[in-house]
Amino acid sequence: MVRIRGTIGAWPVDLTIEMDAADWQHLGAQLNVQADAPATAAPAAKPASQDDALWQTTLKLVQQAGQVSGPELLGQLEGLTGSTAAGKRLLVRLRHCREVRVESGADAPLYCWVE
C-alpha cells in the first residue's frame, strides 16, 4: 500500500493505492529493481527480513548523510516504508542506536552518524 498526501492548489489530497505482489514486481521491473524475496517465500520469514532490510537502509541513510534533520529523515523513511507510523518507529529506534547520536538543532533534532 502506498499513501500519498499533500495538496493540489488549495485542495487537500489523501490517496491510498493498494498493490498486490504482482503490481510491486511490475513496478520494480520498470525501475530495474530486483525483489528482495521471491513471491513464494514463507509469510512467517518475510516480516523479519523486511524489518532487517528497512533497518539497514535506515542506518545507511544516516551514515551517508552524516547529519540529517528529523523532519527530513522522517520524510525519507515515510517514502521508504509507505507509512508515517513505521517511519516514526524507525526514528525512535535510531534514538537508541549506538551508531547514531541525536542532537538538539535550532528547529528540529539532528540525527548524526557516529564513526
C-alpha atoms as a PDB file:
ATOM      1  CA  MET A   1       0.000   0.000   0.000  1.00  0.00           C
ATOM      2  CA  VAL A   2       1.237   3.473  -0.910  1.00  0.00           C
ATOM      3  CA  ARG A   3      -0.195   6.608   0.661  1.00  0.00           C
ATOM      4  CA  ILE A   4       0.164   9.999  -0.979  1.00  0.00           C
ATOM      5  CA  ARG A   5      -0.720  13.099   0.993  1.00  0.00           C
ATOM      6  CA  GLY A   6      -0.441  16.730   0.036  1.00  0.00           C
ATOM      7  CA  THR A   7      -2.325  19.427  -1.775  1.00  0.00           C
ATOM      8  CA  ILE A   8      -3.217  20.322  -5.321  1.00  0.00           C
ATOM      9  CA  GLY A   9      -3.655  24.065  -5.219  1.00  0.00           C
ATOM     10  CA  ALA A  10      -5.923  24.679  -2.238  1.00  0.00           C
ATOM     11  CA  TRP A  11      -7.412  21.167  -2.282  1.00  0.00           C
ATOM     12  CA  PRO A  12      -6.098  18.581   0.172  1.00  0.00           C
ATOM     13  CA  VAL A  13      -5.194  15.182  -1.276  1.00  0.00           C
ATOM     14  CA  ASP A  14      -5.074  11.901   0.649  1.00  0.00           C
ATOM     15  CA  LEU A  15      -4.713   8.997  -1.777  1.00  0.00           C
ATOM     16  CA  THR A  16      -4.153   5.359  -0.875  1.00  0.00           C
ATOM     17  CA  ILE A  17      -3.093   2.904  -3.585  1.00  0.00           C
ATOM     18  CA  GLU A  18      -3.258  -0.797  -2.823  1.00  0.00           C
ATOM     19  CA  MET A  19      -0.899  -3.017  -4.782  1.00  0.00           C
ATOM     20  CA  ASP A  20      -0.556  -6.802  -4.759  1.00  0.00           C
ATOM     21  CA  ALA A  21       2.738  -8.681  -5.203  1.00  0.00           C
ATOM     22  CA  ALA A  22       2.390  -8.758  -8.997  1.00  0.00           C
ATOM     23  CA  ASP A  23       1.918  -4.968  -9.084  1.00  0.00           C
ATOM     24  CA  TRP A  24       5.054  -4.431  -6.986  1.00  0.00           C
ATOM     25  CA  GLN A  25       7.048  -6.773  -9.240  1.00  0.00           C
ATOM     26  CA  HIS A  26       5.847  -4.920 -12.323  1.00  0.00           C
ATOM     27  CA  LEU A  27       6.786  -1.588 -10.755  1.00  0.00           C
ATOM     28  CA  GLY A  28      10.165  -2.956  -9.682  1.00  0.00           C
ATOM     29  CA  ALA A  29      10.825  -4.188 -13.225  1.00  0.00           C
ATOM     30  CA  GLN A  30      10.120  -0.679 -14.533  1.00  0.00           C
ATOM     31  CA  LEU A  31      12.644   0.729 -12.054  1.00  0.00           C
ATOM     32  CA  ASN A  32      15.215  -2.025 -12.668  1.00  0.00           C
ATOM     33  CA  VAL A  33      14.945  -3.125  -9.033  1.00  0.00           C
ATOM     34  CA  GLN A  34      15.086  -6.771  -8.031  1.00  0.00           C
ATOM     35  CA  ALA A  35      12.640  -8.160  -5.476  1.00  0.00           C
ATOM     36  CA  ASP A  36      14.123  -8.828  -2.024  1.00  0.00           C
ATOM     37  CA  ALA A  37      12.496 -12.242  -1.765  1.00  0.00           C
ATOM     38  CA  PRO A  38      10.627 -14.475  -4.185  1.00  0.00           C
ATOM     39  CA  ALA A  39       6.825 -14.344  -4.021  1.00  0.00           C
ATOM     40  CA  THR A  40       6.763 -17.993  -2.934  1.00  0.00           C
ATOM     41  CA  ALA A  41       8.671 -17.285   0.306  1.00  0.00           C
ATOM     42  CA  ALA A  42       7.004 -18.314   3.539  1.00  0.00           C
ATOM     43  CA  PRO A  43       4.999 -15.428   5.055  1.00  0.00           C
ATOM     44  CA  ALA A  44       6.441 -16.036   8.532  1.00  0.00           C
ATOM     45  CA  ALA A  45      10.012 -15.326   7.344  1.00  0.00           C
ATOM     46  CA  LYS A  46       9.156 -12.184   5.362  1.00  0.00           C
ATOM     47  CA  PRO A  47       8.470  -9.660   8.177  1.00  0.00           C
ATOM     48  CA  ALA A  48      11.763 -10.289   9.995  1.00  0.00           C
ATOM     49  CA  SER A  49      13.889  -9.973   6.846  1.00  0.00           C
ATOM     50  CA  GLN A  50      11.870  -6.976   5.673  1.00  0.00           C
ATOM     51  CA  ASP A  51      12.346  -5.267   9.062  1.00  0.00           C
ATOM     52  CA  ASP A  52      16.070  -6.032   8.956  1.00  0.00           C
ATOM     53  CA  ALA A  53      16.334  -4.648   5.426  1.00  0.00           C
ATOM     54  CA  LEU A  54      14.474  -1.465   6.420  1.00  0.00           C
ATOM     55  CA  TRP A  55      16.702  -1.040   9.461  1.00  0.00           C
ATOM     56  CA  GLN A  56      19.888  -1.479   7.408  1.00  0.00           C
ATOM     57  CA  THR A  57      18.605   1.005   4.825  1.00  0.00           C
ATOM     58  CA  THR A  58      17.737   3.473   7.606  1.00  0.00           C
ATOM     59  CA  LEU A  59      21.269   3.206   9.020  1.00  0.00           C
ATOM     60  CA  LYS A  60      22.737   3.732   5.543  1.00  0.00           C
ATOM     61  CA  LEU A  61      20.638   6.876   5.060  1.00  0.00           C
ATOM     62  CA  VAL A  62      22.029   8.424   8.243  1.00  0.00           C
ATOM     63  CA  GLN A  63      25.565   7.211   7.547  1.00  0.00           C
ATOM     64  CA  GLN A  64      25.597   8.620   4.010  1.00  0.00           C
ATOM     65  CA  ALA A  65      24.138  11.941   5.135  1.00  0.00           C
ATOM     66  CA  GLY A  66      26.471  12.190   8.124  1.00  0.00           C
ATOM     67  CA  GLN A  67      23.937  14.528   9.720  1.00  0.00           C
ATOM     68  CA  VAL A  68      20.245  14.851   8.834  1.00  0.00           C
ATOM     69  CA  SER A  69      17.344  16.731  10.413  1.00  0.00           C
ATOM     70  CA  GLY A  70      14.488  14.770  11.955  1.00  0.00           C
ATOM     71  CA  PRO A  71      11.771  16.063   9.580  1.00  0.00           C
ATOM     72  CA  GLU A  72      13.918  15.394   6.503  1.00  0.00           C
ATOM     73  CA  LEU A  73      14.773  11.894   7.716  1.00  0.00           C
ATOM     74  CA  LEU A  74      11.133  11.187   8.580  1.00  0.00           C
ATOM     75  CA  GLY A  75      10.152  12.172   5.041  1.00  0.00           C
ATOM     76  CA  GLN A  76      12.710   9.746   3.623  1.00  0.00           C
ATOM     77  CA  LEU A  77      11.568   6.973   5.957  1.00  0.00           C
ATOM     78  CA  GLU A  78       7.901   7.582   5.107  1.00  0.00           C
ATOM     79  CA  GLY A  79       8.792   7.142   1.449  1.00  0.00           C
ATOM     80  CA  LEU A  80      10.773   4.017   2.235  1.00  0.00           C
ATOM     81  CA  THR A  81       8.142   2.367   4.423  1.00  0.00           C
ATOM     82  CA  GLY A  82       4.976   3.852   2.944  1.00  0.00           C
ATOM     83  CA  SER A  83       3.750   4.797   6.409  1.00  0.00           C
ATOM     84  CA  THR A  84       4.221   7.702   8.795  1.00  0.00           C
ATOM     85  CA  ALA A  85       3.874   5.379  11.802  1.00  0.00           C
ATOM     86  CA  ALA A  86       6.551   2.995  10.506  1.00  0.00           C
ATOM     87  CA  GLY A  87       8.860   5.942   9.797  1.00  0.00           C
ATOM     88  CA  LYS A  88       8.379   7.242  13.332  1.00  0.00           C
ATOM     89  CA  ARG A  89       9.129   3.783  14.778  1.00  0.00           C
ATOM     90  CA  LEU A  90      12.432   3.783  12.905  1.00  0.00           C
ATOM     91  CA  LEU A  91      13.253   7.255  14.271  1.00  0.00           C
ATOM     92  CA  VAL A  92      12.618   6.012  17.814  1.00  0.00           C
ATOM     93  CA  ARG A  93      14.829   3.001  17.145  1.00  0.00           C
ATOM     94  CA  LEU A  94      17.577   5.334  15.880  1.00  0.00           C
ATOM     95  CA  ARG A  95      17.480   7.245  19.180  1.00  0.00           C
ATOM     96  CA  HIS A  96      18.634   4.057  20.925  1.00  0.00           C
ATOM     97  CA  CYS A  97      21.232   3.054  18.339  1.00  0.00           C
ATOM     98  CA  ARG A  98      24.940   3.238  19.223  1.00  0.00           C
ATOM     99  CA  GLU A  99      25.915   4.400  15.731  1.00  0.00           C
ATOM    100  CA  VAL A 100      23.611   7.436  15.861  1.00  0.00           C
ATOM    101  CA  ARG A 101      23.717  10.475  18.134  1.00  0.00           C
ATOM    102  CA  VAL A 102      20.689  12.773  18.341  1.00  0.00           C
ATOM    103  CA  GLU A 103      21.467  16.438  18.918  1.00  0.00           C
ATOM    104  CA  SER A 104      19.117  19.339  19.531  1.00  0.00           C
ATOM    105  CA  GLY A 105      19.030  21.523  16.431  1.00  0.00           C
ATOM    106  CA  ALA A 106      17.655  25.042  16.205  1.00  0.00           C
ATOM    107  CA  ASP A 107      14.284  23.890  14.864  1.00  0.00           C
ATOM    108  CA  ALA A 108      14.421  20.085  14.930  1.00  0.00           C
ATOM    109  CA  PRO A 109      16.558  17.227  16.205  1.00  0.00           C
ATOM    110  CA  LEU A 110      19.629  16.289  14.185  1.00  0.00           C
ATOM    111  CA  TYR A 111      20.480  12.633  13.656  1.00  0.00           C
ATOM    112  CA  CYS A 112      24.275  12.323  13.415  1.00  0.00           C
ATOM    113  CA  TRP A 113      26.313   9.289  12.399  1.00  0.00           C
ATOM    114  CA  VAL A 114      28.964   8.348  14.960  1.00  0.00           C
ATOM    115  CA  GLU A 115      32.158   6.980  13.408  1.00  0.00           C
END
